[in-house]
Amino acid sequence: MPRQTPTACLALADGTVFYGRGFGATGQTTAELCFNTAMTGYQEIVTDPSYAGQIVTFTFPHIGNTGVTPEDDETAIPFAEGMVVKWDPTASSNWRAAEELGAWLARHGKIGIGGLDTRRLTRAIRQQGAPHVALAHNPEGKFDIEALIAAARSFPGLVGLDLAKDVSCLQSYRWDEMRWAWPTGYLKRDKPGHKVVAIDYGAKRNILRCLASAGCDVTVLPATATAEEIMAHNPAGLFLSNGPGDPAATGKYAVPMIQEVLKTSDIPVFGICLGHQLLGLALGAETQKMGHGHHGANHPVKELATGKVEITSMNHGFTVNSQTLPKGVEETHISLFDGSNCGIRVPDRPVWGVQHHPEASPGPQDSFYLFERFAKVMDDAA
C-alpha cells in the first residue's frame, strides 16, 4: 500500500519535525506546546481561556469520538491555538453531539494534527520543558520546513506576556446559571444570595456556575477593573478567576487592585489558578515559570492542615514560589507530583487561593467544597 502523504506537520524550535494528518482549519500557527493527561473533556480543555498561546497535546488517544456540543463550551470560542492527537478523530458517536470536532475547529480557525507519536512528544516535553512550536495544515502536503522552524524559534514565549486582557470580557455582566444536573441540565438561580464580584482573567463558565450553585449572586467584571469599580458593587466577596499568561505581567494592573481591596475592606477574597498566583503576588510572594507545567485531571494535591489528598484538575505553566511567601502568609496545599505550591491563605483573614481547578470541568469533583467554603465565610460575616 502506498504511504499516505502527510497533510500537517509540527515543527519544534530545536529542529525536530513531526508529520501527521491535519484536521480542522488549514494554515499555520505558533505557540507553546504542552500536554494534557485528562481522559475526558477535550472540548472543555480547548475552550478554557487558560490555554491561550498554547497548543495542547492529548495523551489520551480517543479525541473527537464524542463530537462537540454547545453545552460543553467553557467560553464562546476555543482559545487553545491547536491540538495534537495520536489517532485521527473518528465520526462522533454520542447522543449529545451537535457537530464533528474537525468541522467545529475549522469553523473557529483552529488547527489539529493527528497520527503523531504523542507518547514520544510528551516525553520530550517532560524532559526538555514546554517547547515553542509551529503547527501547519496543508491538504496538499507542501511545507516549508525551514520557515516553520524559524517561526517556532521566533515565538516570544509566555514569560512576560499578559494574555488576561485578551481573553477577558469587555464589560460587566450578571451570571445566574448553575451547574448541570440530570435530567434538567442547567438551571437558573432565582433566589437572593451574597453579592460576589468575579474578576474575569479568563473565567470558565463552570467556575461561575459553581459560584451560583453555592448561593452567590455573581457580577463579572473585566480583568482591568479597579478596586473602586469593584467596591461600587458593595460585594460580600471577591473572586479572582483562572486565566492565561504570565502572572507577573498581568499583575502590573491586577496586583494594585487586589492590594487596595485588601487594604480598604475585610471582605473574603478567593482566587483560583491565575487568580491564586495574582493573590500571591499581591501578598508579597513571587511567581515563576515551570518546566512543563501541570495540565490534567489526575493531579494529587495534599491539604497540609489535615493530610487529606484530593485528586484535582490542573492547568497552569506558572506557580507561586513557596520559598518567597512572606511572614503572615501560610502555604495550605502542595502538589504530590513535585511539591510545588497549590494553596495559600492569610491565617487571620478570609483570604485564600488554590492553584487547582475545583470546578471539575473536566475532572474530579473532590474540591467542589471550596465554593461552599467561600459561601459559608460570607454567611458567617453577614
Protein backbone atom coordinates (compact mmCIF):
# COMPACT_ATOMS: atom_id res chain seq x y z
CA MET A 1 0.00 0.00 0.00
CA PRO A 2 1.37 3.49 -0.82
CA ARG A 3 2.18 5.71 2.13
CA GLN A 4 -0.35 8.42 2.85
CA THR A 5 1.00 11.91 2.18
CA PRO A 6 1.22 13.94 5.39
CA THR A 7 -1.12 16.92 5.38
CA ALA A 8 0.11 18.53 8.60
CA CYS A 9 3.38 18.95 10.43
CA LEU A 10 4.56 20.15 13.82
CA ALA A 11 7.97 21.85 13.88
CA LEU A 12 9.78 22.39 17.17
CA ALA A 13 12.25 25.20 17.78
CA ASP A 14 15.07 22.64 18.21
CA GLY A 15 14.55 21.47 14.61
CA THR A 16 12.54 18.33 15.35
CA VAL A 17 9.64 17.84 12.93
CA PHE A 18 6.60 15.58 13.33
CA TYR A 19 4.41 14.75 10.34
CA GLY A 20 0.75 13.74 10.52
CA ARG A 21 -2.70 14.27 9.13
CA GLY A 22 -4.40 17.61 9.51
CA PHE A 23 -7.97 18.33 10.54
CA GLY A 24 -9.84 21.49 11.39
CA ALA A 25 -8.64 24.72 9.80
CA THR A 26 -5.84 25.00 7.27
CA GLY A 27 -2.97 27.40 7.69
CA GLN A 28 -0.22 27.90 10.25
CA THR A 29 0.10 28.95 13.89
CA THR A 30 2.85 29.27 16.51
CA ALA A 31 2.55 28.66 20.24
CA GLU A 32 3.98 26.95 23.30
CA LEU A 33 3.35 23.20 23.30
CA CYS A 34 2.01 21.46 26.42
CA PHE A 35 0.40 18.10 27.14
CA ASN A 36 -2.81 17.24 28.97
CA THR A 37 -3.41 13.84 30.59
CA ALA A 38 -7.20 14.08 31.01
CA MET A 39 -9.20 11.17 29.58
CA THR A 40 -12.36 13.25 29.07
CA GLY A 41 -13.31 16.83 28.35
CA TYR A 42 -11.31 17.75 25.27
CA GLN A 43 -13.89 20.38 24.35
CA GLU A 44 -13.74 21.98 27.81
CA ILE A 45 -9.94 21.97 27.57
CA VAL A 46 -9.63 23.75 24.22
CA THR A 47 -12.29 26.32 25.22
CA ASP A 48 -10.50 27.08 28.50
CA PRO A 49 -9.01 30.61 28.14
CA SER A 50 -6.06 29.48 30.26
CA TYR A 51 -4.75 27.70 27.12
CA ALA A 52 -4.41 30.93 25.14
CA GLY A 53 -0.98 30.93 23.49
CA GLN A 54 -0.66 27.13 23.75
CA ILE A 55 -1.15 24.05 21.58
CA VAL A 56 -2.37 21.04 23.54
CA THR A 57 -1.02 17.52 23.07
CA PHE A 58 -3.59 15.00 24.34
CA THR A 59 -2.03 11.90 25.88
CA PHE A 60 -5.38 10.06 25.74
CA PRO A 61 -5.77 8.72 22.17
CA HIS A 62 -9.58 8.84 21.77
CA ILE A 63 -10.09 12.52 20.96
CA GLY A 64 -13.13 13.58 18.95
CA ASN A 65 -15.18 10.42 19.25
CA THR A 66 -17.97 12.13 21.21
CA GLY A 67 -18.10 15.17 18.93
CA VAL A 68 -18.83 18.62 20.35
CA THR A 69 -21.90 20.21 21.89
CA PRO A 70 -22.52 23.87 22.83
CA GLU A 71 -23.36 22.83 26.40
CA ASP A 72 -19.73 21.85 26.98
CA ASP A 73 -18.12 25.11 25.85
CA GLU A 74 -16.31 26.85 28.69
CA THR A 75 -16.27 30.06 26.64
CA ALA A 76 -17.85 31.12 23.35
CA ILE A 77 -14.78 30.17 21.29
CA PRO A 78 -11.79 27.82 21.64
CA PHE A 79 -8.74 29.66 22.97
CA ALA A 80 -6.12 26.91 22.56
CA GLU A 81 -4.13 27.59 19.40
CA GLY A 82 -4.40 24.00 18.20
CA MET A 83 -4.43 20.35 19.21
CA VAL A 84 -2.20 17.31 18.72
CA VAL A 85 -3.66 13.79 18.93
CA LYS A 86 -2.45 10.22 18.40
CA TRP A 87 -5.36 8.86 16.38
CA ASP A 88 -7.32 10.75 13.76
CA PRO A 89 -10.69 11.87 15.15
CA THR A 90 -13.45 9.46 14.17
CA ALA A 91 -17.06 10.21 13.40
CA SER A 92 -18.83 11.20 16.61
CA SER A 93 -20.87 8.62 18.48
CA ASN A 94 -22.80 10.32 21.26
CA TRP A 95 -26.42 11.36 21.65
CA ARG A 96 -25.35 14.85 22.78
CA ALA A 97 -23.08 15.54 19.78
CA ALA A 98 -24.17 18.55 17.72
CA GLU A 99 -21.10 18.82 15.47
CA GLU A 100 -17.94 16.94 14.46
CA LEU A 101 -14.70 18.04 16.12
CA GLY A 102 -12.92 18.76 12.82
CA ALA A 103 -15.75 20.89 11.46
CA TRP A 104 -16.00 22.78 14.76
CA LEU A 105 -12.26 23.54 14.79
CA ALA A 106 -12.37 24.65 11.14
CA ARG A 107 -15.28 26.98 11.89
CA HIS A 108 -13.22 28.63 14.63
CA GLY A 109 -9.96 28.75 12.64
CA LYS A 110 -8.11 26.22 14.84
CA ILE A 111 -5.70 23.57 13.53
CA GLY A 112 -5.49 19.92 14.59
CA ILE A 113 -2.93 17.25 13.72
CA GLY A 114 -3.41 13.51 14.15
CA GLY A 115 -1.28 10.42 13.66
CA LEU A 116 1.62 11.57 15.85
CA ASP A 117 3.55 9.58 18.42
CA THR A 118 2.16 11.57 21.34
CA ARG A 119 3.99 9.38 23.86
CA ARG A 120 7.34 10.38 22.37
CA LEU A 121 6.25 14.01 22.19
CA THR A 122 5.09 14.01 25.81
CA ARG A 123 8.38 12.52 26.97
CA ALA A 124 10.26 15.26 25.14
CA ILE A 125 8.12 17.95 26.81
CA ARG A 126 8.68 16.42 30.25
CA GLN A 127 12.43 16.18 29.78
CA GLN A 128 13.12 19.45 27.97
CA GLY A 129 10.27 21.72 29.06
CA ALA A 130 7.40 23.14 27.03
CA PRO A 131 8.86 23.92 23.57
CA HIS A 132 7.96 26.67 21.14
CA VAL A 133 6.42 25.18 18.00
CA ALA A 134 4.84 25.94 14.65
CA LEU A 135 1.86 23.87 13.50
CA ALA A 136 0.81 23.81 9.85
CA HIS A 137 -2.04 22.14 7.94
CA ASN A 138 -1.94 21.97 4.15
CA PRO A 139 -4.18 19.42 2.34
CA GLU A 140 -1.63 19.27 -0.49
CA GLY A 141 1.15 18.29 1.90
CA LYS A 142 3.50 21.10 0.92
CA PHE A 143 5.52 22.62 3.75
CA ASP A 144 8.46 24.99 4.04
CA ILE A 145 10.17 23.23 6.93
CA GLU A 146 12.93 25.80 7.37
CA ALA A 147 10.36 28.58 7.57
CA LEU A 148 8.28 26.63 10.09
CA ILE A 149 11.31 26.02 12.33
CA ALA A 150 12.21 29.70 12.07
CA ALA A 151 8.63 30.63 13.04
CA ALA A 152 8.84 28.35 16.08
CA ARG A 153 12.12 29.95 17.11
CA SER A 154 10.71 33.45 16.75
CA PHE A 155 7.72 32.75 19.02
CA PRO A 156 8.32 35.04 22.02
CA GLY A 157 7.01 32.63 24.65
CA LEU A 158 4.67 33.25 27.56
CA VAL A 159 7.13 34.78 30.04
CA GLY A 160 6.35 38.47 30.39
CA LEU A 161 3.15 38.12 28.35
CA ASP A 162 -0.15 39.48 29.66
CA LEU A 163 -2.91 37.46 27.98
CA ALA A 164 -5.68 38.10 30.51
CA LYS A 165 -6.75 41.33 28.80
CA ASP A 166 -7.06 39.45 25.50
CA VAL A 167 -9.45 36.82 26.85
CA SER A 168 -11.38 38.85 29.43
CA CYS A 169 -14.87 40.25 28.94
CA LEU A 170 -15.07 43.84 27.76
CA GLN A 171 -17.91 44.91 30.05
CA SER A 172 -19.57 43.70 33.23
CA TYR A 173 -22.44 41.19 33.27
CA ARG A 174 -24.53 39.17 35.70
CA TRP A 175 -24.30 35.38 35.91
CA ASP A 176 -27.15 33.20 37.21
CA GLU A 177 -26.67 29.77 35.55
CA MET A 178 -25.94 26.89 37.93
CA ARG A 179 -24.14 23.56 37.49
CA TRP A 180 -25.53 20.98 35.09
CA ALA A 181 -27.81 18.39 36.70
CA TRP A 182 -29.66 15.39 35.30
CA PRO A 183 -32.23 15.48 33.79
CA THR A 184 -32.90 19.21 33.67
CA GLY A 185 -29.49 20.46 32.51
CA TYR A 186 -28.51 24.00 33.50
CA LEU A 187 -30.97 25.71 35.83
CA LYS A 188 -31.14 29.42 36.59
CA ARG A 189 -30.57 30.68 40.10
CA ASP A 190 -33.59 32.71 41.23
CA LYS A 191 -33.01 33.14 44.96
CA PRO A 192 -31.25 36.04 46.71
CA GLY A 193 -27.65 35.44 47.67
CA HIS A 194 -24.38 37.04 48.63
CA LYS A 195 -23.17 39.59 46.10
CA VAL A 196 -19.88 38.37 44.65
CA VAL A 197 -17.73 40.23 42.16
CA ALA A 198 -15.78 37.81 39.94
CA ILE A 199 -12.81 39.27 38.07
CA ASP A 200 -12.55 37.71 34.62
CA TYR A 201 -8.91 36.94 33.83
CA GLY A 202 -10.20 34.14 31.59
CA ALA A 203 -13.04 32.73 33.68
CA LYS A 204 -14.53 29.35 32.75
CA ARG A 205 -18.30 29.12 32.70
CA ASN A 206 -18.34 26.17 35.07
CA ILE A 207 -16.48 28.19 37.71
CA LEU A 208 -19.20 30.82 37.54
CA ARG A 209 -21.83 28.06 37.68
CA CYS A 210 -20.23 26.66 40.82
CA LEU A 211 -20.35 30.08 42.46
CA ALA A 212 -24.03 30.44 41.53
CA SER A 213 -24.79 26.92 42.80
CA ALA A 214 -23.12 27.81 46.10
CA GLY A 215 -25.62 30.64 46.53
CA CYS A 216 -23.69 33.57 45.11
CA ASP A 217 -25.23 36.48 43.20
CA VAL A 218 -22.39 36.88 40.68
CA THR A 219 -21.36 40.01 38.80
CA VAL A 220 -18.43 39.54 36.42
CA LEU A 221 -16.05 42.45 35.80
CA PRO A 222 -13.21 42.77 33.24
CA ALA A 223 -9.62 41.95 34.18
CA THR A 224 -8.70 45.64 34.36
CA ALA A 225 -11.38 46.53 36.91
CA THR A 226 -10.17 48.85 39.66
CA ALA A 227 -10.75 48.48 43.38
CA GLU A 228 -13.10 51.47 43.22
CA GLU A 229 -15.19 49.83 40.48
CA ILE A 230 -15.33 46.58 42.45
CA MET A 231 -16.35 48.15 45.74
CA ALA A 232 -19.02 50.23 43.98
CA HIS A 233 -20.99 46.96 43.74
CA ASN A 234 -20.86 46.62 47.55
CA PRO A 235 -19.80 42.96 47.29
CA ALA A 236 -19.81 40.45 50.11
CA GLY A 237 -16.89 38.66 48.46
CA LEU A 238 -14.29 38.99 45.68
CA PHE A 239 -13.41 36.10 43.39
CA LEU A 240 -10.24 36.06 41.23
CA SER A 241 -10.59 33.73 38.24
CA ASN A 242 -8.29 31.49 36.26
CA GLY A 243 -6.57 32.77 33.12
CA PRO A 244 -3.55 32.55 30.79
CA GLY A 245 -0.14 34.16 30.53
CA ASP A 246 2.49 35.36 32.98
CA PRO A 247 1.00 36.43 36.33
CA ALA A 248 3.79 38.96 36.81
CA ALA A 249 2.72 40.72 33.60
CA THR A 250 -0.99 40.68 34.47
CA GLY A 251 -0.04 41.70 37.99
CA LYS A 252 1.06 45.15 36.81
CA TYR A 253 -2.57 46.23 36.97
CA ALA A 254 -4.18 43.36 38.94
CA VAL A 255 -1.89 43.41 41.97
CA PRO A 256 -2.51 47.10 42.91
CA MET A 257 -6.26 46.41 42.69
CA ILE A 258 -6.06 43.36 44.96
CA GLN A 259 -3.84 45.19 47.45
CA GLU A 260 -6.25 48.13 47.57
CA VAL A 261 -9.22 45.82 48.23
CA LEU A 262 -7.29 44.05 50.99
CA LYS A 263 -6.26 47.38 52.50
CA THR A 264 -9.66 49.07 52.46
CA SER A 265 -12.06 46.19 53.21
CA ASP A 266 -12.31 42.91 55.07
CA ILE A 267 -14.44 41.01 52.51
CA PRO A 268 -13.46 37.40 51.70
CA VAL A 269 -11.12 37.03 48.72
CA PHE A 270 -10.85 33.69 46.89
CA GLY A 271 -8.52 33.03 43.93
CA ILE A 272 -8.19 30.08 41.54
CA CYS A 273 -5.26 29.34 39.20
CA LEU A 274 -4.07 32.70 37.80
CA GLY A 275 -6.22 34.40 40.43
CA HIS A 276 -4.32 32.41 43.08
CA GLN A 277 -0.99 33.49 41.60
CA LEU A 278 -2.06 37.14 41.46
CA LEU A 279 -3.18 36.93 45.08
CA GLY A 280 0.23 35.50 45.95
CA LEU A 281 1.94 38.43 44.22
CA ALA A 282 -0.33 40.91 46.00
CA LEU A 283 0.62 39.37 49.36
CA GLY A 284 4.34 39.71 48.61
CA ALA A 285 5.33 36.36 47.11
CA GLU A 286 6.93 35.72 43.71
CA THR A 287 5.86 33.55 40.77
CA GLN A 288 7.99 31.55 38.36
CA LYS A 289 7.70 29.65 35.07
CA MET A 290 7.51 25.86 35.36
CA GLY A 291 9.29 23.43 33.06
CA HIS A 292 6.24 21.79 31.55
CA GLY A 293 3.53 22.88 33.97
CA HIS A 294 0.59 20.87 35.26
CA HIS A 295 -2.18 20.00 32.81
CA GLY A 296 -4.61 17.18 33.52
CA ALA A 297 -7.43 15.81 35.63
CA ASN A 298 -5.50 13.40 37.84
CA HIS A 299 -3.24 15.60 39.96
CA PRO A 300 -2.96 14.68 43.67
CA VAL A 301 -2.96 17.70 45.98
CA LYS A 302 -2.37 17.46 49.73
CA GLU A 303 -4.02 19.78 52.24
CA LEU A 304 -1.27 20.31 54.80
CA ALA A 305 -3.50 21.03 57.80
CA THR A 306 -5.44 17.76 57.56
CA GLY A 307 -3.23 15.50 55.44
CA LYS A 308 -6.20 14.93 53.13
CA VAL A 309 -5.34 14.22 49.49
CA GLU A 310 -7.64 15.41 46.72
CA ILE A 311 -7.44 14.37 43.07
CA THR A 312 -7.72 17.60 41.14
CA SER A 313 -7.85 19.16 37.70
CA MET A 314 -4.97 21.49 36.85
CA ASN A 315 -3.92 23.78 34.04
CA HIS A 316 -1.01 26.10 34.70
CA GLY A 317 2.51 26.82 33.49
CA PHE A 318 3.45 29.27 36.26
CA THR A 319 3.47 28.74 40.02
CA VAL A 320 3.77 30.66 43.27
CA ASN A 321 7.28 30.13 44.64
CA SER A 322 6.56 28.90 48.17
CA GLN A 323 10.08 29.86 49.25
CA THR A 324 9.14 33.51 48.78
CA LEU A 325 5.94 33.51 50.85
CA PRO A 326 6.27 36.36 53.36
CA LYS A 327 5.56 36.18 57.07
CA GLY A 328 1.83 36.16 57.65
CA VAL A 329 1.05 34.08 54.54
CA GLU A 330 0.65 30.35 55.00
CA GLU A 331 1.04 27.52 52.48
CA THR A 332 -2.07 25.31 52.62
CA HIS A 333 -1.74 22.82 49.75
CA ILE A 334 1.08 21.19 47.79
CA SER A 335 1.30 19.02 44.70
CA LEU A 336 2.26 15.44 45.45
CA PHE A 337 3.82 15.21 41.98
CA ASP A 338 6.57 17.77 42.54
CA GLY A 339 5.91 19.57 45.84
CA SER A 340 5.01 22.85 44.14
CA ASN A 341 2.62 25.26 45.82
CA CYS A 342 -1.10 24.61 45.36
CA GLY A 343 -2.65 26.84 48.00
CA ILE A 344 -2.10 29.83 50.28
CA ARG A 345 -4.07 31.72 52.91
CA VAL A 346 -3.79 34.63 55.31
CA PRO A 347 -4.39 32.94 58.71
CA ASP A 348 -6.19 35.83 60.40
CA ARG A 349 -8.31 36.91 57.40
CA PRO A 350 -10.77 35.25 54.96
CA VAL A 351 -8.24 35.44 52.14
CA TRP A 352 -7.06 32.33 50.29
CA GLY A 353 -6.33 30.81 46.91
CA VAL A 354 -5.73 27.42 45.30
CA GLN A 355 -3.78 26.52 42.20
CA HIS A 356 -6.04 23.66 41.09
CA HIS A 357 -9.43 23.92 39.36
CA PRO A 358 -12.21 22.88 41.78
CA GLU A 359 -14.95 23.36 39.15
CA ALA A 360 -14.10 19.91 37.69
CA SER A 361 -14.69 20.70 34.05
CA PRO A 362 -13.21 18.34 33.14
CA GLY A 363 -12.03 16.49 36.20
CA PRO A 364 -12.92 15.00 39.57
CA GLN A 365 -15.26 16.72 41.99
CA ASP A 366 -13.12 16.36 45.12
CA SER A 367 -12.71 20.13 45.50
CA PHE A 368 -16.27 21.38 44.97
CA TYR A 369 -16.36 22.14 48.70
CA LEU A 370 -14.12 25.17 48.17
CA PHE A 371 -17.04 27.10 46.66
CA GLU A 372 -19.22 26.09 49.62
CA ARG A 373 -16.46 27.26 51.97
CA PHE A 374 -16.40 30.65 50.24
CA ALA A 375 -20.18 30.95 50.65
CA LYS A 376 -20.03 29.91 54.30
CA VAL A 377 -17.43 32.57 55.12
CA MET A 378 -19.78 35.17 53.68
CA ASP A 379 -22.69 33.62 55.64
CA ASP A 380 -20.71 33.91 58.87
CA ALA A 381 -19.81 37.53 58.15
CA ALA A 382 -23.40 38.55 57.32
